[in-house]
PDB file of N, CA and C in Angstrom:
ATOM      1  N   MET A   1      20.217  -7.080   2.413  1.00  0.00           N
ATOM      2  CA  MET A   1      19.321  -6.660   1.361  1.00  0.00           C
ATOM      3  C   MET A   1      18.118  -5.952   1.989  1.00  0.00           C
ATOM      4  N   ALA A   2      17.840  -4.792   1.536  1.00  0.00           N
ATOM      5  CA  ALA A   2      16.744  -4.011   2.096  1.00  0.00           C
ATOM      6  C   ALA A   2      15.405  -4.522   1.568  1.00  0.00           C
ATOM      7  N   ALA A   3      14.415  -4.514   2.444  1.00  0.00           N
ATOM      8  CA  ALA A   3      13.074  -4.943   2.045  1.00  0.00           C
ATOM      9  C   ALA A   3      12.439  -3.866   1.186  1.00  0.00           C
ATOM     10  N   LYS A   4      11.702  -4.303   0.190  1.00  0.00           N
ATOM     11  CA  LYS A   4      11.017  -3.348  -0.678  1.00  0.00           C
ATOM     12  C   LYS A   4       9.852  -2.739   0.076  1.00  0.00           C
ATOM     13  N   LYS A   5       9.679  -1.460  -0.115  1.00  0.00           N
ATOM     14  CA  LYS A   5       8.601  -0.749   0.544  1.00  0.00           C
ATOM     15  C   LYS A   5       7.546  -0.398  -0.481  1.00  0.00           C
ATOM     16  N   LYS A   6       6.316  -0.786  -0.214  1.00  0.00           N
ATOM     17  CA  LYS A   6       5.227  -0.456  -1.133  1.00  0.00           C
ATOM     18  C   LYS A   6       4.578   0.835  -0.684  1.00  0.00           C
ATOM     19  N   SER A   7       4.220   1.648  -1.649  1.00  0.00           N
ATOM     20  CA  SER A   7       3.527   2.877  -1.317  1.00  0.00           C
ATOM     21  C   SER A   7       2.096   2.553  -0.908  1.00  0.00           C
ATOM     22  N   ASP A   8       1.463   3.474  -0.223  1.00  0.00           N
ATOM     23  CA  ASP A   8       0.103   3.249   0.270  1.00  0.00           C
ATOM     24  C   ASP A   8      -0.895   3.058  -0.867  1.00  0.00           C
ATOM     25  N   LYS A   9      -0.704   3.783  -1.958  1.00  0.00           N
ATOM     26  CA  LYS A   9      -1.644   3.679  -3.066  1.00  0.00           C
ATOM     27  C   LYS A   9      -1.604   2.316  -3.732  1.00  0.00           C
ATOM     28  N   THR A  10      -0.418   1.759  -3.865  1.00  0.00           N
ATOM     29  CA  THR A  10      -0.294   0.505  -4.586  1.00  0.00           C
ATOM     30  C   THR A  10      -0.285  -0.695  -3.655  1.00  0.00           C
ATOM     31  N   ALA A  11      -0.649  -0.488  -2.414  1.00  0.00           N
ATOM     32  CA  ALA A  11      -0.688  -1.611  -1.489  1.00  0.00           C
ATOM     33  C   ALA A  11      -1.778  -2.571  -1.956  1.00  0.00           C
ATOM     34  N   CYS A  12      -1.356  -3.711  -2.454  1.00  0.00           N
ATOM     35  CA  CYS A  12      -2.326  -4.649  -2.996  1.00  0.00           C
ATOM     36  C   CYS A  12      -2.556  -5.777  -2.005  1.00  0.00           C
ATOM     37  N   LEU A  13      -3.790  -6.168  -1.925  1.00  0.00           N
ATOM     38  CA  LEU A  13      -4.154  -7.273  -1.055  1.00  0.00           C
ATOM     39  C   LEU A  13      -3.835  -8.589  -1.743  1.00  0.00           C
ATOM     40  N   PRO A  14      -3.373  -9.561  -0.990  1.00  0.00           N
ATOM     41  CA  PRO A  14      -3.154 -10.881  -1.594  1.00  0.00           C
ATOM     42  C   PRO A  14      -4.473 -11.491  -2.044  1.00  0.00           C
ATOM     43  N   ALA A  15      -4.402 -12.426  -2.968  1.00  0.00           N
ATOM     44  CA  ALA A  15      -5.607 -13.036  -3.526  1.00  0.00           C
ATOM     45  C   ALA A  15      -6.436 -13.715  -2.441  1.00  0.00           C
ATOM     46  N   GLY A  16      -5.799 -14.282  -1.445  1.00  0.00           N
ATOM     47  CA  GLY A  16      -6.530 -14.944  -0.361  1.00  0.00           C
ATOM     48  C   GLY A  16      -7.421 -13.983   0.406  1.00  0.00           C
ATOM     49  N   GLU A  17      -6.909 -12.786   0.660  1.00  0.00           N
ATOM     50  CA  GLU A  17      -7.711 -11.790   1.372  1.00  0.00           C
ATOM     51  C   GLU A  17      -8.833 -11.263   0.488  1.00  0.00           C
ATOM     52  N   LEU A  18      -8.573 -11.143  -0.807  1.00  0.00           N
ATOM     53  CA  LEU A  18      -9.611 -10.686  -1.725  1.00  0.00           C
ATOM     54  C   LEU A  18     -10.732 -11.717  -1.829  1.00  0.00           C
ATOM     55  N   ARG A  19     -10.365 -12.983  -1.825  1.00  0.00           N
ATOM     56  CA  ARG A  19     -11.375 -14.049  -1.918  1.00  0.00           C
ATOM     57  C   ARG A  19     -12.281 -14.080  -0.690  1.00  0.00           C
ATOM     58  N   ALA A  20     -11.787 -13.586   0.432  1.00  0.00           N
ATOM     59  CA  ALA A  20     -12.582 -13.568   1.650  1.00  0.00           C
ATOM     60  C   ALA A  20     -13.643 -12.467   1.640  1.00  0.00           C
ATOM     61  N   LEU A  21     -13.501 -11.494   0.753  1.00  0.00           N
ATOM     62  CA  LEU A  21     -14.453 -10.389   0.680  1.00  0.00           C
ATOM     63  C   LEU A  21     -15.708 -10.815  -0.076  1.00  0.00           C
ATOM     64  N   ASN A  22     -16.826 -10.141   0.231  1.00  0.00           N
ATOM     65  CA  ASN A  22     -18.049 -10.448  -0.518  1.00  0.00           C
ATOM     66  C   ASN A  22     -18.077  -9.639  -1.822  1.00  0.00           C
ATOM     67  N   VAL A  23     -19.070  -9.899  -2.640  1.00  0.00           N
ATOM     68  CA  VAL A  23     -19.144  -9.310  -3.984  1.00  0.00           C
ATOM     69  C   VAL A  23     -19.233  -7.781  -3.925  1.00  0.00           C
ATOM     70  N   ASP A  24     -20.015  -7.245  -2.999  1.00  0.00           N
ATOM     71  CA  ASP A  24     -20.154  -5.791  -2.906  1.00  0.00           C
ATOM     72  C   ASP A  24     -18.832  -5.124  -2.529  1.00  0.00           C
ATOM     73  N   ASP A  25     -18.107  -5.729  -1.585  1.00  0.00           N
ATOM     74  CA  ASP A  25     -16.811  -5.176  -1.203  1.00  0.00           C
ATOM     75  C   ASP A  25     -15.824  -5.241  -2.361  1.00  0.00           C
ATOM     76  N   LEU A  26     -15.870  -6.332  -3.109  1.00  0.00           N
ATOM     77  CA  LEU A  26     -14.975  -6.459  -4.263  1.00  0.00           C
ATOM     78  C   LEU A  26     -15.284  -5.404  -5.315  1.00  0.00           C
ATOM     79  N   ARG A  27     -16.556  -5.133  -5.529  1.00  0.00           N
ATOM     80  CA  ARG A  27     -16.930  -4.105  -6.513  1.00  0.00           C
ATOM     81  C   ARG A  27     -16.435  -2.728  -6.079  1.00  0.00           C
ATOM     82  N   SER A  28     -16.544  -2.424  -4.789  1.00  0.00           N
ATOM     83  CA  SER A  28     -16.070  -1.121  -4.313  1.00  0.00           C
ATOM     84  C   SER A  28     -14.545  -1.044  -4.389  1.00  0.00           C
ATOM     85  N   LYS A  29     -13.848  -2.130  -4.062  1.00  0.00           N
ATOM     86  CA  LYS A  29     -12.385  -2.151  -4.189  1.00  0.00           C
ATOM     87  C   LYS A  29     -11.971  -1.969  -5.647  1.00  0.00           C
ATOM     88  N   LEU A  30     -12.710  -2.614  -6.551  1.00  0.00           N
ATOM     89  CA  LEU A  30     -12.414  -2.502  -7.976  1.00  0.00           C
ATOM     90  C   LEU A  30     -12.583  -1.062  -8.450  1.00  0.00           C
ATOM     91  N   ALA A  31     -13.649  -0.420  -8.030  1.00  0.00           N
ATOM     92  CA  ALA A  31     -13.877   0.977  -8.421  1.00  0.00           C
ATOM     93  C   ALA A  31     -12.769   1.878  -7.875  1.00  0.00           C
ATOM     94  N   ASP A  32     -12.382   1.659  -6.623  1.00  0.00           N
ATOM     95  CA  ASP A  32     -11.304   2.459  -6.036  1.00  0.00           C
ATOM     96  C   ASP A  32      -9.989   2.240  -6.769  1.00  0.00           C
ATOM     97  N   GLN A  33      -9.687   0.985  -7.068  1.00  0.00           N
ATOM     98  CA  GLN A  33      -8.429   0.670  -7.737  1.00  0.00           C
ATOM     99  C   GLN A  33      -8.401   1.254  -9.150  1.00  0.00           C
ATOM    100  N   ARG A  34      -9.525   1.191  -9.845  1.00  0.00           N
ATOM    101  CA  ARG A  34      -9.585   1.781 -11.197  1.00  0.00           C
ATOM    102  C   ARG A  34      -9.396   3.290 -11.146  1.00  0.00           C
ATOM    103  N   ARG A  35      -9.966   3.932 -10.121  1.00  0.00           N
ATOM    104  CA  ARG A  35      -9.824   5.378  -9.956  1.00  0.00           C
ATOM    105  C   ARG A  35      -8.348   5.728  -9.701  1.00  0.00           C
ATOM    106  N   GLU A  36      -7.680   4.948  -8.843  1.00  0.00           N
ATOM    107  CA  GLU A  36      -6.269   5.187  -8.567  1.00  0.00           C
ATOM    108  C   GLU A  36      -5.424   4.981  -9.828  1.00  0.00           C
ATOM    109  N   LEU A  37      -5.769   3.961 -10.615  1.00  0.00           N
ATOM    110  CA  LEU A  37      -5.042   3.704 -11.856  1.00  0.00           C
ATOM    111  C   LEU A  37      -5.216   4.853 -12.839  1.00  0.00           C
ATOM    112  N   MET A  38      -6.421   5.369 -12.937  1.00  0.00           N
ATOM    113  CA  MET A  38      -6.667   6.500 -13.835  1.00  0.00           C
ATOM    114  C   MET A  38      -5.870   7.726 -13.385  1.00  0.00           C
ATOM    115  N   ASP A  39      -5.854   7.993 -12.079  1.00  0.00           N
ATOM    116  CA  ASP A  39      -5.080   9.121 -11.566  1.00  0.00           C
ATOM    117  C   ASP A  39      -3.588   8.944 -11.849  1.00  0.00           C
ATOM    118  N   ALA A  40      -3.111   7.725 -11.683  1.00  0.00           N
ATOM    119  CA  ALA A  40      -1.693   7.459 -11.935  1.00  0.00           C
ATOM    120  C   ALA A  40      -1.362   7.635 -13.417  1.00  0.00           C
ATOM    121  N   ARG A  41      -2.272   7.220 -14.284  1.00  0.00           N
ATOM    122  CA  ARG A  41      -2.039   7.403 -15.722  1.00  0.00           C
ATOM    123  C   ARG A  41      -1.985   8.881 -16.090  1.00  0.00           C
ATOM    124  N   LEU A  42      -2.854   9.679 -15.480  1.00  0.00           N
ATOM    125  CA  LEU A  42      -2.831  11.118 -15.746  1.00  0.00           C
ATOM    126  C   LEU A  42      -1.531  11.741 -15.256  1.00  0.00           C
ATOM    127  N   LYS A  43      -1.087  11.332 -14.062  1.00  0.00           N
ATOM    128  CA  LYS A  43       0.184  11.843 -13.538  1.00  0.00           C
ATOM    129  C   LYS A  43       1.342  11.433 -14.448  1.00  0.00           C
ATOM    130  N   HIS A  44       1.279  10.217 -14.960  1.00  0.00           N
ATOM    131  CA  HIS A  44       2.331   9.736 -15.849  1.00  0.00           C
ATOM    132  C   HIS A  44       2.352  10.548 -17.146  1.00  0.00           C
ATOM    133  N   ALA A  45       1.190  10.925 -17.620  1.00  0.00           N
ATOM    134  CA  ALA A  45       1.088  11.681 -18.868  1.00  0.00           C
ATOM    135  C   ALA A  45       1.705  13.076 -18.734  1.00  0.00           C
ATOM    136  N   VAL A  46       1.629  13.652 -17.559  1.00  0.00           N
ATOM    137  CA  VAL A  46       2.193  14.989 -17.362  1.00  0.00           C
ATOM    138  C   VAL A  46       3.527  14.932 -16.613  1.00  0.00           C
ATOM    139  N   ALA A  47       4.121  13.751 -16.594  1.00  0.00           N
ATOM    140  CA  ALA A  47       5.451  13.527 -16.016  1.00  0.00           C
ATOM    141  C   ALA A  47       5.528  13.884 -14.537  1.00  0.00           C
ATOM    142  N   GLN A  48       4.510  13.555 -13.765  1.00  0.00           N
ATOM    143  CA  GLN A  48       4.530  13.786 -12.328  1.00  0.00           C
ATOM    144  C   GLN A  48       4.590  12.487 -11.528  1.00  0.00           C
ATOM    145  N   LEU A  49       4.521  11.361 -12.197  1.00  0.00           N
ATOM    146  CA  LEU A  49       4.561  10.080 -11.507  1.00  0.00           C
ATOM    147  C   LEU A  49       6.013   9.673 -11.310  1.00  0.00           C
ATOM    148  N   GLU A  50       6.392   9.465 -10.049  1.00  0.00           N
ATOM    149  CA  GLU A  50       7.778   9.136  -9.755  1.00  0.00           C
ATOM    150  C   GLU A  50       8.091   7.669 -10.054  1.00  0.00           C
ATOM    151  N   LYS A  51       7.213   6.776  -9.644  1.00  0.00           N
ATOM    152  CA  LYS A  51       7.456   5.350  -9.852  1.00  0.00           C
ATOM    153  C   LYS A  51       6.513   4.832 -10.927  1.00  0.00           C
ATOM    154  N   THR A  52       7.015   4.719 -12.129  1.00  0.00           N
ATOM    155  CA  THR A  52       6.162   4.255 -13.217  1.00  0.00           C
ATOM    156  C   THR A  52       5.836   2.770 -13.082  1.00  0.00           C
ATOM    157  N   SER A  53       6.575   2.053 -12.269  1.00  0.00           N
ATOM    158  CA  SER A  53       6.284   0.637 -12.056  1.00  0.00           C
ATOM    159  C   SER A  53       4.962   0.450 -11.300  1.00  0.00           C
ATOM    160  N   ASP A  54       4.497   1.505 -10.653  1.00  0.00           N
ATOM    161  CA  ASP A  54       3.206   1.435  -9.962  1.00  0.00           C
ATOM    162  C   ASP A  54       2.066   1.165 -10.936  1.00  0.00           C
ATOM    163  N   LEU A  55       2.194   1.635 -12.166  1.00  0.00           N
ATOM    164  CA  LEU A  55       1.153   1.401 -13.164  1.00  0.00           C
ATOM    165  C   LEU A  55       0.955  -0.094 -13.396  1.00  0.00           C
ATOM    166  N   LYS A  56       2.037  -0.821 -13.509  1.00  0.00           N
ATOM    167  CA  LYS A  56       1.968  -2.263 -13.739  1.00  0.00           C
ATOM    168  C   LYS A  56       1.335  -2.968 -12.543  1.00  0.00           C
ATOM    169  N   VAL A  57       1.714  -2.558 -11.348  1.00  0.00           N
ATOM    170  CA  VAL A  57       1.162  -3.159 -10.137  1.00  0.00           C
ATOM    171  C   VAL A  57      -0.336  -2.898 -10.049  1.00  0.00           C
ATOM    172  N   MET A  58      -0.747  -1.684 -10.364  1.00  0.00           N
ATOM    173  CA  MET A  58      -2.168  -1.339 -10.306  1.00  0.00           C
ATOM    174  C   MET A  58      -2.978  -2.102 -11.346  1.00  0.00           C
ATOM    175  N   ARG A  59      -2.442  -2.235 -12.567  1.00  0.00           N
ATOM    176  CA  ARG A  59      -3.147  -2.994 -13.603  1.00  0.00           C
ATOM    177  C   ARG A  59      -3.331  -4.442 -13.184  1.00  0.00           C
ATOM    178  N   LYS A  60      -2.309  -5.023 -12.596  1.00  0.00           N
ATOM    179  CA  LYS A  60      -2.401  -6.409 -12.154  1.00  0.00           C
ATOM    180  C   LYS A  60      -3.412  -6.557 -11.018  1.00  0.00           C
ATOM    181  N   GLN A  61      -3.466  -5.569 -10.135  1.00  0.00           N
ATOM    182  CA  GLN A  61      -4.417  -5.616  -9.031  1.00  0.00           C
ATOM    183  C   GLN A  61      -5.853  -5.532  -9.561  1.00  0.00           C
ATOM    184  N   VAL A  62      -6.089  -4.682 -10.550  1.00  0.00           N
ATOM    185  CA  VAL A  62      -7.414  -4.582 -11.168  1.00  0.00           C
ATOM    186  C   VAL A  62      -7.800  -5.921 -11.787  1.00  0.00           C
ATOM    187  N   ALA A  63      -6.872  -6.526 -12.502  1.00  0.00           N
ATOM    188  CA  ALA A  63      -7.145  -7.820 -13.132  1.00  0.00           C
ATOM    189  C   ALA A  63      -7.412  -8.889 -12.085  1.00  0.00           C
ATOM    190  N   ARG A  64      -6.672  -8.878 -10.996  1.00  0.00           N
ATOM    191  CA  ARG A  64      -6.852  -9.854  -9.923  1.00  0.00           C
ATOM    192  C   ARG A  64      -8.247  -9.727  -9.307  1.00  0.00           C
ATOM    193  N   ILE A  65      -8.661  -8.494  -9.046  1.00  0.00           N
ATOM    194  CA  ILE A  65      -9.981  -8.271  -8.450  1.00  0.00           C
ATOM    195  C   ILE A  65     -11.073  -8.689  -9.428  1.00  0.00           C
ATOM    196  N   GLU A  66     -10.920  -8.334 -10.711  1.00  0.00           N
ATOM    197  CA  GLU A  66     -11.922  -8.715 -11.711  1.00  0.00           C
ATOM    198  C   GLU A  66     -12.045 -10.232 -11.824  1.00  0.00           C
ATOM    199  N   THR A  67     -10.923 -10.936 -11.778  1.00  0.00           N
ATOM    200  CA  THR A  67     -10.939 -12.390 -11.879  1.00  0.00           C
ATOM    201  C   THR A  67     -11.692 -13.011 -10.709  1.00  0.00           C
ATOM    202  N   ILE A  68     -11.392 -12.564  -9.509  1.00  0.00           N
ATOM    203  CA  ILE A  68     -12.053 -13.110  -8.322  1.00  0.00           C
ATOM    204  C   ILE A  68     -13.532 -12.764  -8.329  1.00  0.00           C
ATOM    205  N   LEU A  69     -13.864 -11.557  -8.759  1.00  0.00           N
ATOM    206  CA  LEU A  69     -15.260 -11.142  -8.844  1.00  0.00           C
ATOM    207  C   LEU A  69     -16.020 -12.010  -9.845  1.00  0.00           C
ATOM    208  N   ASN A  70     -15.426 -12.280 -11.003  1.00  0.00           N
ATOM    209  CA  ASN A  70     -16.067 -13.144 -11.999  1.00  0.00           C
ATOM    210  C   ASN A  70     -16.242 -14.564 -11.472  1.00  0.00           C
ATOM    211  N   GLU A  71     -15.264 -15.068 -10.752  1.00  0.00           N
ATOM    212  CA  GLU A  71     -15.376 -16.400 -10.169  1.00  0.00           C
ATOM    213  C   GLU A  71     -16.543 -16.471  -9.190  1.00  0.00           C
ATOM    214  N   LYS A  72     -16.656 -15.466  -8.346  1.00  0.00           N
ATOM    215  CA  LYS A  72     -17.736 -15.454  -7.354  1.00  0.00           C
ATOM    216  C   LYS A  72     -19.102 -15.327  -8.014  1.00  0.00           C
ATOM    217  N   GLU A  73     -19.197 -14.498  -9.065  1.00  0.00           N
ATOM    218  CA  GLU A  73     -20.478 -14.310  -9.738  1.00  0.00           C
ATOM    219  C   GLU A  73     -20.902 -15.564 -10.497  1.00  0.00           C
ATOM    220  N   GLN A  74     -19.970 -16.291 -11.064  1.00  0.00           N
ATOM    221  CA  GLN A  74     -20.298 -17.519 -11.776  1.00  0.00           C
ATOM    222  C   GLN A  74     -20.700 -18.627 -10.813  1.00  0.00           C
ATOM    223  N   ARG A  75     -20.108 -18.611  -9.644  1.00  0.00           N
ATOM    224  CA  ARG A  75     -20.417 -19.619  -8.642  1.00  0.00           C
ATOM    225  C   ARG A  75     -21.830 -19.438  -8.071  1.00  0.00           C
ATOM    226  N   ALA A  76     -22.275 -18.211  -8.000  1.00  0.00           N
ATOM    227  CA  ALA A  76     -23.575 -17.914  -7.388  1.00  0.00           C
ATOM    228  C   ALA A  76     -24.730 -18.172  -8.330  1.00  0.00           C
TER     229      ALA A  76
END
């Protein structure tokens, strides 16, 4: 069975690595991920996105970062 290969854009960090980042780094990662998601949505709209499953991965990554960011902000 061949291992799945993730593209560079959708390379998502595990939650453990995200939790190790500070709030400022998480905010910058969130902004970058949202920008990539917006670009992917535009490509999807004009039928240039090859892997539409990337949209789901990106949305989940945005939600993961937002959740960890909210946890850190509530803790502080």
